[in-house]
Amino acid sequence: MAELLEAIELEAIEDDVACASAVTAVLNEWPAHHARLREIRQRRVLALKESGKTWPQIGQILGVHPTHAQQIAKGLRSTKRPPKAAEG
């Protein structure tokens, strides 16, 4: 996550107004990117599985339980997250 924040370089903006506005814009757009990030992760998890990795190995790579790794591969959402707008 540190790499992402460094890539965005918001802290490099010296003007307080410009920086605060830029951070607000990123935060406002962030929810739209969740679905895209989940899709990317799902594809990569499926690729790891197709390459011969086991669910425990994939879970270890992601830092999650192997069952959660399988759920990610299936595109299932955690019960901790709010439902998609179309679901609710």
N, C-alpha and C. Protein backbone atom coordinates (compact mmCIF):
# COMPACT_ATOMS: atom_id res chain seq x y z
N MET A 1 0.83 -1.19 0.00
CA MET A 1 0.00 0.00 0.00
C MET A 1 0.87 1.25 0.00
N ALA A 2 2.02 1.17 0.65
CA ALA A 2 2.91 2.32 0.66
C ALA A 2 3.33 2.70 -0.76
N GLU A 3 3.54 1.68 -1.60
CA GLU A 3 3.93 1.94 -2.99
C GLU A 3 2.83 2.71 -3.72
N LEU A 4 1.59 2.36 -3.44
CA LEU A 4 0.47 3.04 -4.08
C LEU A 4 0.44 4.51 -3.67
N LEU A 5 0.58 4.77 -2.39
CA LEU A 5 0.56 6.15 -1.92
C LEU A 5 1.74 6.94 -2.47
N GLU A 6 2.89 6.30 -2.58
CA GLU A 6 4.05 6.97 -3.16
C GLU A 6 3.82 7.25 -4.64
N ALA A 7 3.18 6.32 -5.33
CA ALA A 7 2.92 6.50 -6.76
C ALA A 7 1.97 7.67 -7.00
N ILE A 8 1.01 7.83 -6.12
CA ILE A 8 0.05 8.92 -6.26
C ILE A 8 0.73 10.26 -5.97
N GLU A 9 1.70 10.26 -5.08
CA GLU A 9 2.51 11.43 -4.74
C GLU A 9 1.69 12.62 -4.23
N LEU A 10 0.65 12.35 -3.50
CA LEU A 10 -0.17 13.44 -2.98
C LEU A 10 0.57 14.28 -1.94
N GLU A 11 1.39 13.62 -1.15
CA GLU A 11 2.12 14.36 -0.11
C GLU A 11 3.14 15.33 -0.70
N ALA A 12 3.52 15.12 -1.96
CA ALA A 12 4.48 16.01 -2.60
C ALA A 12 3.86 17.35 -2.98
N ILE A 13 2.53 17.43 -2.96
CA ILE A 13 1.85 18.69 -3.28
C ILE A 13 2.05 19.63 -2.10
N GLU A 14 2.74 20.72 -2.32
CA GLU A 14 3.09 21.63 -1.23
C GLU A 14 1.93 22.50 -0.76
N ASP A 15 1.08 22.91 -1.68
CA ASP A 15 -0.03 23.78 -1.34
C ASP A 15 -1.09 22.98 -0.58
N ASP A 16 -1.45 23.44 0.63
CA ASP A 16 -2.40 22.73 1.46
C ASP A 16 -3.76 22.58 0.80
N VAL A 17 -4.24 23.63 0.15
CA VAL A 17 -5.55 23.58 -0.52
C VAL A 17 -5.51 22.57 -1.65
N ALA A 18 -4.48 22.64 -2.47
CA ALA A 18 -4.37 21.73 -3.61
C ALA A 18 -4.24 20.28 -3.14
N CYS A 19 -3.45 20.05 -2.09
CA CYS A 19 -3.26 18.70 -1.57
C CYS A 19 -4.56 18.15 -1.00
N ALA A 20 -5.21 18.93 -0.16
CA ALA A 20 -6.47 18.48 0.45
C ALA A 20 -7.51 18.20 -0.63
N SER A 21 -7.57 19.03 -1.65
CA SER A 21 -8.52 18.83 -2.74
C SER A 21 -8.20 17.56 -3.52
N ALA A 22 -6.93 17.34 -3.77
CA ALA A 22 -6.52 16.15 -4.51
C ALA A 22 -6.83 14.87 -3.72
N VAL A 23 -6.57 14.90 -2.43
CA VAL A 23 -6.87 13.74 -1.59
C VAL A 23 -8.38 13.48 -1.58
N THR A 24 -9.17 14.52 -1.47
CA THR A 24 -10.63 14.38 -1.50
C THR A 24 -11.09 13.74 -2.81
N ALA A 25 -10.51 14.18 -3.91
CA ALA A 25 -10.88 13.63 -5.22
C ALA A 25 -10.55 12.13 -5.29
N VAL A 26 -9.38 11.75 -4.79
CA VAL A 26 -9.00 10.34 -4.79
C VAL A 26 -9.96 9.54 -3.91
N LEU A 27 -10.26 10.04 -2.73
CA LEU A 27 -11.17 9.33 -1.82
C LEU A 27 -12.57 9.21 -2.43
N ASN A 28 -13.02 10.23 -3.12
CA ASN A 28 -14.34 10.18 -3.75
C ASN A 28 -14.40 9.14 -4.87
N GLU A 29 -13.31 8.95 -5.57
CA GLU A 29 -13.26 8.01 -6.68
C GLU A 29 -12.93 6.59 -6.23
N TRP A 30 -12.40 6.43 -5.04
CA TRP A 30 -11.92 5.13 -4.58
C TRP A 30 -12.96 4.01 -4.66
N PRO A 31 -14.21 4.23 -4.24
CA PRO A 31 -15.19 3.13 -4.32
C PRO A 31 -15.37 2.58 -5.73
N ALA A 32 -15.26 3.40 -6.72
CA ALA A 32 -15.41 2.94 -8.10
C ALA A 32 -14.28 2.00 -8.50
N HIS A 33 -13.16 2.10 -7.83
CA HIS A 33 -12.00 1.28 -8.17
C HIS A 33 -12.00 -0.05 -7.44
N HIS A 34 -12.79 -0.20 -6.39
CA HIS A 34 -12.84 -1.46 -5.64
C HIS A 34 -13.18 -2.64 -6.55
N ALA A 35 -14.23 -2.50 -7.34
CA ALA A 35 -14.66 -3.60 -8.20
C ALA A 35 -13.55 -3.97 -9.19
N ARG A 36 -12.92 -2.98 -9.76
CA ARG A 36 -11.83 -3.23 -10.72
C ARG A 36 -10.68 -3.95 -10.05
N LEU A 37 -10.30 -3.53 -8.85
CA LEU A 37 -9.22 -4.18 -8.13
C LEU A 37 -9.57 -5.62 -7.78
N ARG A 38 -10.83 -5.87 -7.40
CA ARG A 38 -11.26 -7.24 -7.10
C ARG A 38 -11.18 -8.11 -8.36
N GLU A 39 -11.55 -7.55 -9.51
CA GLU A 39 -11.47 -8.30 -10.77
C GLU A 39 -10.03 -8.66 -11.11
N ILE A 40 -9.13 -7.72 -10.94
CA ILE A 40 -7.71 -7.97 -11.21
C ILE A 40 -7.19 -9.07 -10.30
N ARG A 41 -7.52 -8.97 -9.01
CA ARG A 41 -7.06 -9.98 -8.05
C ARG A 41 -7.64 -11.35 -8.39
N GLN A 42 -8.92 -11.40 -8.74
CA GLN A 42 -9.55 -12.67 -9.08
C GLN A 42 -8.84 -13.33 -10.26
N ARG A 43 -8.58 -12.55 -11.31
CA ARG A 43 -7.88 -13.09 -12.48
C ARG A 43 -6.51 -13.65 -12.12
N ARG A 44 -5.79 -12.92 -11.28
CA ARG A 44 -4.44 -13.35 -10.90
C ARG A 44 -4.48 -14.58 -10.01
N VAL A 45 -5.47 -14.66 -9.12
CA VAL A 45 -5.62 -15.85 -8.28
C VAL A 45 -5.93 -17.06 -9.16
N LEU A 46 -6.81 -16.89 -10.13
CA LEU A 46 -7.12 -17.98 -11.05
C LEU A 46 -5.87 -18.40 -11.83
N ALA A 47 -5.07 -17.44 -12.23
CA ALA A 47 -3.83 -17.76 -12.95
C ALA A 47 -2.86 -18.53 -12.05
N LEU A 48 -2.78 -18.14 -10.78
CA LEU A 48 -1.92 -18.86 -9.84
C LEU A 48 -2.39 -20.30 -9.69
N LYS A 49 -3.70 -20.48 -9.58
CA LYS A 49 -4.25 -21.83 -9.45
C LYS A 49 -3.97 -22.65 -10.71
N GLU A 50 -4.17 -22.05 -11.88
CA GLU A 50 -3.92 -22.74 -13.14
C GLU A 50 -2.44 -23.09 -13.32
N SER A 51 -1.57 -22.31 -12.67
CA SER A 51 -0.13 -22.59 -12.78
C SER A 51 0.30 -23.73 -11.85
N GLY A 52 -0.65 -24.24 -11.05
CA GLY A 52 -0.32 -25.38 -10.20
C GLY A 52 -0.23 -25.09 -8.71
N LYS A 53 -0.43 -23.84 -8.33
CA LYS A 53 -0.38 -23.50 -6.90
C LYS A 53 -1.60 -24.10 -6.20
N THR A 54 -1.41 -24.48 -4.95
CA THR A 54 -2.52 -24.99 -4.15
C THR A 54 -3.23 -23.84 -3.45
N TRP A 55 -4.45 -24.10 -2.96
CA TRP A 55 -5.17 -23.05 -2.24
C TRP A 55 -4.40 -22.60 -1.00
N PRO A 56 -3.77 -23.52 -0.23
CA PRO A 56 -2.96 -23.04 0.89
C PRO A 56 -1.80 -22.13 0.45
N GLN A 57 -1.17 -22.47 -0.66
CA GLN A 57 -0.08 -21.61 -1.17
C GLN A 57 -0.60 -20.24 -1.58
N ILE A 58 -1.72 -20.24 -2.28
CA ILE A 58 -2.30 -18.96 -2.73
C ILE A 58 -2.75 -18.15 -1.52
N GLY A 59 -3.36 -18.81 -0.56
CA GLY A 59 -3.76 -18.12 0.67
C GLY A 59 -2.57 -17.49 1.37
N GLN A 60 -1.46 -18.21 1.41
CA GLN A 60 -0.25 -17.67 2.04
C GLN A 60 0.26 -16.46 1.27
N ILE A 61 0.25 -16.53 -0.04
CA ILE A 61 0.69 -15.41 -0.86
C ILE A 61 -0.14 -14.17 -0.56
N LEU A 62 -1.47 -14.36 -0.43
CA LEU A 62 -2.38 -13.23 -0.21
C LEU A 62 -2.51 -12.84 1.26
N GLY A 63 -2.04 -13.71 2.14
CA GLY A 63 -2.20 -13.45 3.56
C GLY A 63 -3.61 -13.70 4.05
N VAL A 64 -4.29 -14.68 3.40
CA VAL A 64 -5.66 -15.02 3.78
C VAL A 64 -5.75 -16.53 3.96
N HIS A 65 -6.85 -16.99 4.53
CA HIS A 65 -7.11 -18.41 4.70
C HIS A 65 -7.31 -19.03 3.31
N PRO A 66 -6.90 -20.29 3.12
CA PRO A 66 -7.09 -20.94 1.82
C PRO A 66 -8.54 -20.91 1.33
N THR A 67 -9.49 -21.02 2.24
CA THR A 67 -10.90 -20.95 1.84
C THR A 67 -11.24 -19.58 1.26
N HIS A 68 -10.66 -18.54 1.85
CA HIS A 68 -10.90 -17.19 1.33
C HIS A 68 -10.27 -17.05 -0.05
N ALA A 69 -9.12 -17.66 -0.27
CA ALA A 69 -8.48 -17.63 -1.59
C ALA A 69 -9.41 -18.25 -2.64
N GLN A 70 -10.07 -19.35 -2.27
CA GLN A 70 -11.03 -19.99 -3.18
C GLN A 70 -12.21 -19.06 -3.45
N GLN A 71 -12.68 -18.38 -2.42
CA GLN A 71 -13.80 -17.46 -2.58
C GLN A 71 -13.42 -16.31 -3.52
N ILE A 72 -12.20 -15.82 -3.39
CA ILE A 72 -11.72 -14.76 -4.27
C ILE A 72 -11.74 -15.25 -5.72
N ALA A 73 -11.28 -16.48 -5.93
CA ALA A 73 -11.25 -17.05 -7.28
C ALA A 73 -12.65 -17.15 -7.87
N LYS A 74 -13.64 -17.38 -7.03
CA LYS A 74 -15.03 -17.49 -7.49
C LYS A 74 -15.71 -16.13 -7.61
N GLY A 75 -15.03 -15.08 -7.17
CA GLY A 75 -15.62 -13.74 -7.25
C GLY A 75 -16.60 -13.45 -6.13
N LEU A 76 -16.53 -14.24 -5.06
CA LEU A 76 -17.44 -14.02 -3.94
C LEU A 76 -16.95 -12.87 -3.07
N ARG A 77 -17.88 -12.12 -2.53
CA ARG A 77 -17.53 -10.99 -1.68
C ARG A 77 -17.62 -11.40 -0.22
N SER A 78 -16.78 -10.80 0.58
CA SER A 78 -16.78 -11.06 2.02
C SER A 78 -18.07 -10.54 2.64
N THR A 79 -18.53 -11.20 3.67
CA THR A 79 -19.73 -10.74 4.37
C THR A 79 -19.44 -9.47 5.16
N LYS A 80 -18.17 -9.12 5.32
CA LYS A 80 -17.80 -7.90 6.02
C LYS A 80 -18.03 -6.66 5.17
N ARG A 81 -18.16 -6.86 3.87
CA ARG A 81 -18.32 -5.72 2.96
C ARG A 81 -19.80 -5.48 2.68
N PRO A 82 -20.15 -4.24 2.45
CA PRO A 82 -21.55 -3.96 2.08
C PRO A 82 -21.85 -4.55 0.71
N PRO A 83 -23.10 -4.92 0.45
CA PRO A 83 -23.44 -5.49 -0.86
C PRO A 83 -23.31 -4.45 -1.96
N LYS A 84 -23.10 -4.95 -3.19
CA LYS A 84 -23.07 -4.05 -4.34
C LYS A 84 -24.41 -3.37 -4.46
N ALA A 85 -24.44 -2.22 -5.09
CA ALA A 85 -25.68 -1.46 -5.23
C ALA A 85 -26.76 -2.29 -5.90
N ALA A 86 -26.40 -3.11 -6.87
CA ALA A 86 -27.38 -3.93 -7.57
C ALA A 86 -27.91 -5.06 -6.69
N GLU A 87 -27.14 -5.45 -5.66
CA GLU A 87 -27.55 -6.55 -4.79
C GLU A 87 -28.49 -6.08 -3.69
N GLY A 88 -28.34 -4.82 -3.27
CA GLY A 88 -29.04 -4.35 -2.09
C GLY A 88 -30.23 -3.62 -2.39
